[in-house]
Amino acid sequence: MKARRLRLAVHRDGSVHFTAPVGMSFFVVERFVHSKRRWLFRKIAFFKTIDTKLVRVFSKKDYLSYKDQALQLIQGRVQHFNSFYDFSFNAISIKNQKTRWGSCSRKGNLNFNYKLLFLPKVQRDYIVVHELCHLKEMNHSMKFWRLVQKTIPNYLNIKKRITKIRVML
């Protein structure tokens, strides 16, 4: 699959992976990497502090084992919160995403990572509400955050905790 954008990733083992679209100028690539240098060094330092034996590595077998359970749980939480919002949507899907807890498509499809099963209920609910609110606001504007805040008043604290967990996906 061809890359459509620049991407820089640091993995648990400390390795750094970079992707760029074919034909992109070296100058643009160099500027991008340079702009991310602080983030890059912070991530590498962070992974050096983690005992990798304590980090669970998920497999495709885990995904197949847990996806139905995740779907049932997420459908219930979407139904619960959507009773407040009353947004219309197409479908709910459970995926095995490497870098996202969830997403919302312009077609009104809600996608969630099966690993939500392993998060505390408060964080799981925040992610469900976050994606649900994207049905109304496909951005992270103040209008979007006010929608989230209606059912998750302490969303900022939860958001900070989830950002720290994301690196473990």
C-alpha atoms as a PDB file:
ATOM      1  CA  MET A   1       0.000   0.000   0.000  1.00  0.00           C
ATOM      2  CA  LYS A   2       1.372   3.417  -0.941  1.00  0.00           C
ATOM      3  CA  ALA A   3       1.810   6.037   1.776  1.00  0.00           C
ATOM      4  CA  ARG A   4      -0.416   9.085   1.400  1.00  0.00           C
ATOM      5  CA  ARG A   5       1.158  11.148   4.167  1.00  0.00           C
ATOM      6  CA  LEU A   6       4.287  11.479   6.242  1.00  0.00           C
ATOM      7  CA  ARG A   7       4.311   9.258   9.295  1.00  0.00           C
ATOM      8  CA  LEU A   8       6.784   8.802  12.105  1.00  0.00           C
ATOM      9  CA  ALA A   9       6.324   6.057  14.708  1.00  0.00           C
ATOM     10  CA  VAL A  10       8.303   4.862  17.700  1.00  0.00           C
ATOM     11  CA  HIS A  11       7.690   1.291  18.798  1.00  0.00           C
ATOM     12  CA  ARG A  12       7.999  -0.378  22.207  1.00  0.00           C
ATOM     13  CA  ASP A  13      11.393  -1.806  21.324  1.00  0.00           C
ATOM     14  CA  GLY A  14      12.699   1.715  20.639  1.00  0.00           C
ATOM     15  CA  SER A  15      12.798   1.304  16.881  1.00  0.00           C
ATOM     16  CA  VAL A  16      11.730   4.271  14.762  1.00  0.00           C
ATOM     17  CA  HIS A  17       9.747   3.838  11.563  1.00  0.00           C
ATOM     18  CA  PHE A  18       9.228   6.528   8.991  1.00  0.00           C
ATOM     19  CA  THR A  19       6.913   6.516   5.967  1.00  0.00           C
ATOM     20  CA  ALA A  20       6.621   9.039   3.167  1.00  0.00           C
ATOM     21  CA  PRO A  21       4.759   9.164  -0.122  1.00  0.00           C
ATOM     22  CA  VAL A  22       6.827   8.232  -3.175  1.00  0.00           C
ATOM     23  CA  GLY A  23       8.307  11.277  -4.864  1.00  0.00           C
ATOM     24  CA  MET A  24       8.109  13.595  -1.861  1.00  0.00           C
ATOM     25  CA  SER A  25      11.012  16.017  -1.796  1.00  0.00           C
ATOM     26  CA  PHE A  26      13.870  15.383   0.610  1.00  0.00           C
ATOM     27  CA  PHE A  27      13.520  18.965   1.883  1.00  0.00           C
ATOM     28  CA  VAL A  28       9.890  18.373   2.988  1.00  0.00           C
ATOM     29  CA  VAL A  29      10.826  15.059   4.638  1.00  0.00           C
ATOM     30  CA  GLU A  30      13.804  16.605   6.425  1.00  0.00           C
ATOM     31  CA  ARG A  31      11.677  19.527   7.678  1.00  0.00           C
ATOM     32  CA  PHE A  32       8.998  17.133   8.942  1.00  0.00           C
ATOM     33  CA  VAL A  33      11.466  14.950  10.862  1.00  0.00           C
ATOM     34  CA  HIS A  34      13.183  18.041  12.259  1.00  0.00           C
ATOM     35  CA  SER A  35       9.834  19.434  13.477  1.00  0.00           C
ATOM     36  CA  LYS A  36       9.133  16.145  15.292  1.00  0.00           C
ATOM     37  CA  ARG A  37      12.559  15.748  16.940  1.00  0.00           C
ATOM     38  CA  ARG A  38      11.435  16.671  20.496  1.00  0.00           C
ATOM     39  CA  TRP A  39       8.472  14.319  20.275  1.00  0.00           C
ATOM     40  CA  LEU A  40      10.750  11.605  18.881  1.00  0.00           C
ATOM     41  CA  PHE A  41      13.294  11.873  21.715  1.00  0.00           C
ATOM     42  CA  ARG A  42      10.513  11.971  24.342  1.00  0.00           C
ATOM     43  CA  LYS A  43       8.950   8.769  22.958  1.00  0.00           C
ATOM     44  CA  ILE A  44      12.269   6.944  22.797  1.00  0.00           C
ATOM     45  CA  ALA A  45      13.029   8.009  26.392  1.00  0.00           C
ATOM     46  CA  PHE A  46       9.543   6.950  27.487  1.00  0.00           C
ATOM     47  CA  PHE A  47       9.907   3.446  26.061  1.00  0.00           C
ATOM     48  CA  LYS A  48      13.285   3.064  27.782  1.00  0.00           C
ATOM     49  CA  THR A  49      11.488   3.518  31.136  1.00  0.00           C
ATOM     50  CA  ILE A  50       8.911   0.776  30.511  1.00  0.00           C
ATOM     51  CA  ASP A  51       9.405  -2.797  31.588  1.00  0.00           C
ATOM     52  CA  THR A  52       8.315  -4.465  28.351  1.00  0.00           C
ATOM     53  CA  LYS A  53       7.563  -7.693  30.240  1.00  0.00           C
ATOM     54  CA  LEU A  54       4.610  -5.870  31.835  1.00  0.00           C
ATOM     55  CA  VAL A  55       3.204  -4.671  28.498  1.00  0.00           C
ATOM     56  CA  ARG A  56       0.689  -7.044  27.018  1.00  0.00           C
ATOM     57  CA  VAL A  57       1.160  -7.771  23.351  1.00  0.00           C
ATOM     58  CA  PHE A  58      -2.090  -8.580  21.572  1.00  0.00           C
ATOM     59  CA  SER A  59      -2.329 -11.095  18.772  1.00  0.00           C
ATOM     60  CA  LYS A  60      -4.698 -11.730  15.887  1.00  0.00           C
ATOM     61  CA  LYS A  61      -6.045 -14.650  17.934  1.00  0.00           C
ATOM     62  CA  ASP A  62      -6.925 -12.195  20.735  1.00  0.00           C
ATOM     63  CA  TYR A  63      -8.788 -10.037  18.240  1.00  0.00           C
ATOM     64  CA  LEU A  64     -10.794 -12.995  16.942  1.00  0.00           C
ATOM     65  CA  SER A  65     -11.528 -14.132  20.506  1.00  0.00           C
ATOM     66  CA  TYR A  66     -12.676 -10.763  21.822  1.00  0.00           C
ATOM     67  CA  LYS A  67     -14.233  -8.901  18.893  1.00  0.00           C
ATOM     68  CA  ASP A  68     -17.796 -10.223  19.404  1.00  0.00           C
ATOM     69  CA  GLN A  69     -17.667  -9.431  23.106  1.00  0.00           C
ATOM     70  CA  ALA A  70     -16.347  -5.947  22.287  1.00  0.00           C
ATOM     71  CA  LEU A  71     -19.115  -5.382  19.732  1.00  0.00           C
ATOM     72  CA  GLN A  72     -21.803  -6.318  22.240  1.00  0.00           C
ATOM     73  CA  LEU A  73     -20.332  -4.030  24.902  1.00  0.00           C
ATOM     74  CA  ILE A  74     -19.801  -1.080  22.531  1.00  0.00           C
ATOM     75  CA  GLN A  75     -23.277  -1.392  21.014  1.00  0.00           C
ATOM     76  CA  GLY A  76     -24.723  -1.141  24.509  1.00  0.00           C
ATOM     77  CA  ARG A  77     -22.647   1.929  25.378  1.00  0.00           C
ATOM     78  CA  VAL A  78     -23.474   3.635  22.052  1.00  0.00           C
ATOM     79  CA  GLN A  79     -27.169   2.950  22.649  1.00  0.00           C
ATOM     80  CA  HIS A  80     -26.897   4.320  26.206  1.00  0.00           C
ATOM     81  CA  PHE A  81     -25.194   7.582  25.211  1.00  0.00           C
ATOM     82  CA  ASN A  82     -27.119   8.015  21.987  1.00  0.00           C
ATOM     83  CA  SER A  83     -30.338   8.024  24.002  1.00  0.00           C
ATOM     84  CA  PHE A  84     -29.061  11.436  25.135  1.00  0.00           C
ATOM     85  CA  TYR A  85     -27.687  12.695  21.802  1.00  0.00           C
ATOM     86  CA  ASP A  86     -30.109  11.034  19.355  1.00  0.00           C
ATOM     87  CA  PHE A  87     -27.647  11.032  16.437  1.00  0.00           C
ATOM     88  CA  SER A  88     -28.214   8.783  13.454  1.00  0.00           C
ATOM     89  CA  PHE A  89     -25.433   6.493  12.294  1.00  0.00           C
ATOM     90  CA  ASN A  90     -24.916   3.644   9.870  1.00  0.00           C
ATOM     91  CA  ALA A  91     -23.008   0.817  11.501  1.00  0.00           C
ATOM     92  CA  ILE A  92     -20.758  -0.046  14.410  1.00  0.00           C
ATOM     93  CA  SER A  93     -17.626  -2.050  13.605  1.00  0.00           C
ATOM     94  CA  ILE A  94     -14.960  -3.571  15.804  1.00  0.00           C
ATOM     95  CA  LYS A  95     -11.449  -3.442  14.383  1.00  0.00           C
ATOM     96  CA  ASN A  96      -7.910  -4.353  15.336  1.00  0.00           C
ATOM     97  CA  GLN A  97      -6.360  -0.918  14.925  1.00  0.00           C
ATOM     98  CA  LYS A  98      -2.753  -0.295  15.876  1.00  0.00           C
ATOM     99  CA  THR A  99      -2.924   3.420  16.580  1.00  0.00           C
ATOM    100  CA  ARG A 100      -6.563   4.337  17.256  1.00  0.00           C
ATOM    101  CA  TRP A 101      -9.147   3.624  19.895  1.00  0.00           C
ATOM    102  CA  GLY A 102     -11.927   4.598  17.519  1.00  0.00           C
ATOM    103  CA  SER A 103     -12.976   6.572  14.469  1.00  0.00           C
ATOM    104  CA  CYS A 104     -16.063   7.959  12.787  1.00  0.00           C
ATOM    105  CA  SER A 105     -16.436   8.075   9.017  1.00  0.00           C
ATOM    106  CA  ARG A 106     -18.232  10.719   7.005  1.00  0.00           C
ATOM    107  CA  LYS A 107     -20.708   7.986   6.036  1.00  0.00           C
ATOM    108  CA  GLY A 108     -21.744   7.710   9.696  1.00  0.00           C
ATOM    109  CA  ASN A 109     -19.901   4.488  10.500  1.00  0.00           C
ATOM    110  CA  LEU A 110     -18.514   4.151  14.018  1.00  0.00           C
ATOM    111  CA  ASN A 111     -15.360   2.042  14.337  1.00  0.00           C
ATOM    112  CA  PHE A 112     -13.880   0.929  17.644  1.00  0.00           C
ATOM    113  CA  ASN A 113     -10.778  -0.958  18.672  1.00  0.00           C
ATOM    114  CA  TYR A 114     -11.543  -4.299  20.357  1.00  0.00           C
ATOM    115  CA  LYS A 115      -8.940  -3.419  23.023  1.00  0.00           C
ATOM    116  CA  LEU A 116     -11.504  -1.031  24.516  1.00  0.00           C
ATOM    117  CA  LEU A 117     -12.616  -4.112  26.442  1.00  0.00           C
ATOM    118  CA  PHE A 118      -9.457  -3.826  28.535  1.00  0.00           C
ATOM    119  CA  LEU A 119      -9.869  -0.158  29.460  1.00  0.00           C
ATOM    120  CA  PRO A 120     -11.635   1.100  32.590  1.00  0.00           C
ATOM    121  CA  LYS A 121     -15.328   1.917  31.988  1.00  0.00           C
ATOM    122  CA  VAL A 122     -14.769   5.684  32.341  1.00  0.00           C
ATOM    123  CA  GLN A 123     -12.160   5.729  29.571  1.00  0.00           C
ATOM    124  CA  ARG A 124     -14.190   3.399  27.368  1.00  0.00           C
ATOM    125  CA  ASP A 125     -17.247   5.642  27.736  1.00  0.00           C
ATOM    126  CA  TYR A 126     -15.201   8.711  26.861  1.00  0.00           C
ATOM    127  CA  ILE A 127     -14.064   7.088  23.604  1.00  0.00           C
ATOM    128  CA  VAL A 128     -17.613   6.030  22.715  1.00  0.00           C
ATOM    129  CA  VAL A 129     -18.933   9.558  23.350  1.00  0.00           C
ATOM    130  CA  HIS A 130     -15.990  11.090  21.477  1.00  0.00           C
ATOM    131  CA  GLU A 131     -16.760   9.093  18.327  1.00  0.00           C
ATOM    132  CA  LEU A 132     -20.505   9.564  18.723  1.00  0.00           C
ATOM    133  CA  CYS A 133     -20.059  13.357  18.849  1.00  0.00           C
ATOM    134  CA  HIS A 134     -18.114  13.225  15.590  1.00  0.00           C
ATOM    135  CA  LEU A 135     -21.416  12.296  13.944  1.00  0.00           C
ATOM    136  CA  LYS A 136     -22.483  15.901  14.592  1.00  0.00           C
ATOM    137  CA  GLU A 137     -19.094  17.675  14.486  1.00  0.00           C
ATOM    138  CA  MET A 138     -16.412  16.085  12.274  1.00  0.00           C
ATOM    139  CA  ASN A 139     -13.651  18.108  13.933  1.00  0.00           C
ATOM    140  CA  HIS A 140     -12.264  18.984  17.357  1.00  0.00           C
ATOM    141  CA  SER A 141     -13.753  22.469  17.579  1.00  0.00           C
ATOM    142  CA  MET A 142     -15.183  24.023  20.744  1.00  0.00           C
ATOM    143  CA  LYS A 143     -18.652  22.946  19.552  1.00  0.00           C
ATOM    144  CA  PHE A 144     -17.403  19.351  19.433  1.00  0.00           C
ATOM    145  CA  TRP A 145     -15.915  19.486  22.967  1.00  0.00           C
ATOM    146  CA  ARG A 146     -19.096  21.082  24.351  1.00  0.00           C
ATOM    147  CA  LEU A 147     -21.043  18.114  22.944  1.00  0.00           C
ATOM    148  CA  VAL A 148     -18.656  15.672  24.628  1.00  0.00           C
ATOM    149  CA  GLN A 149     -18.849  17.622  27.896  1.00  0.00           C
ATOM    150  CA  LYS A 150     -22.633  17.207  28.059  1.00  0.00           C
ATOM    151  CA  THR A 151     -22.267  13.542  29.036  1.00  0.00           C
ATOM    152  CA  ILE A 152     -18.592  13.386  30.069  1.00  0.00           C
ATOM    153  CA  PRO A 153     -18.043  16.552  32.170  1.00  0.00           C
ATOM    154  CA  ASN A 154     -14.497  15.544  33.222  1.00  0.00           C
ATOM    155  CA  TYR A 155     -13.451  14.641  29.662  1.00  0.00           C
ATOM    156  CA  LEU A 156     -10.166  16.592  29.870  1.00  0.00           C
ATOM    157  CA  ASN A 157      -8.781  14.429  32.699  1.00  0.00           C
ATOM    158  CA  ILE A 158      -9.878  11.234  30.965  1.00  0.00           C
ATOM    159  CA  LYS A 159      -8.423  12.412  27.643  1.00  0.00           C
ATOM    160  CA  LYS A 160      -5.010  12.938  29.272  1.00  0.00           C
ATOM    161  CA  ARG A 161      -5.011   9.410  30.721  1.00  0.00           C
ATOM    162  CA  ILE A 162      -6.033   7.843  27.416  1.00  0.00           C
ATOM    163  CA  THR A 163      -3.255   9.661  25.582  1.00  0.00           C
ATOM    164  CA  LYS A 164      -0.747   7.969  27.894  1.00  0.00           C
ATOM    165  CA  ILE A 165      -2.328   4.545  27.328  1.00  0.00           C
ATOM    166  CA  ARG A 166      -2.424   4.958  23.530  1.00  0.00           C
ATOM    167  CA  VAL A 167       1.268   4.207  23.215  1.00  0.00           C
ATOM    168  CA  MET A 168       0.526   0.695  24.466  1.00  0.00           C
ATOM    169  CA  LEU A 169      -1.829  -0.196  21.599  1.00  0.00           C
END
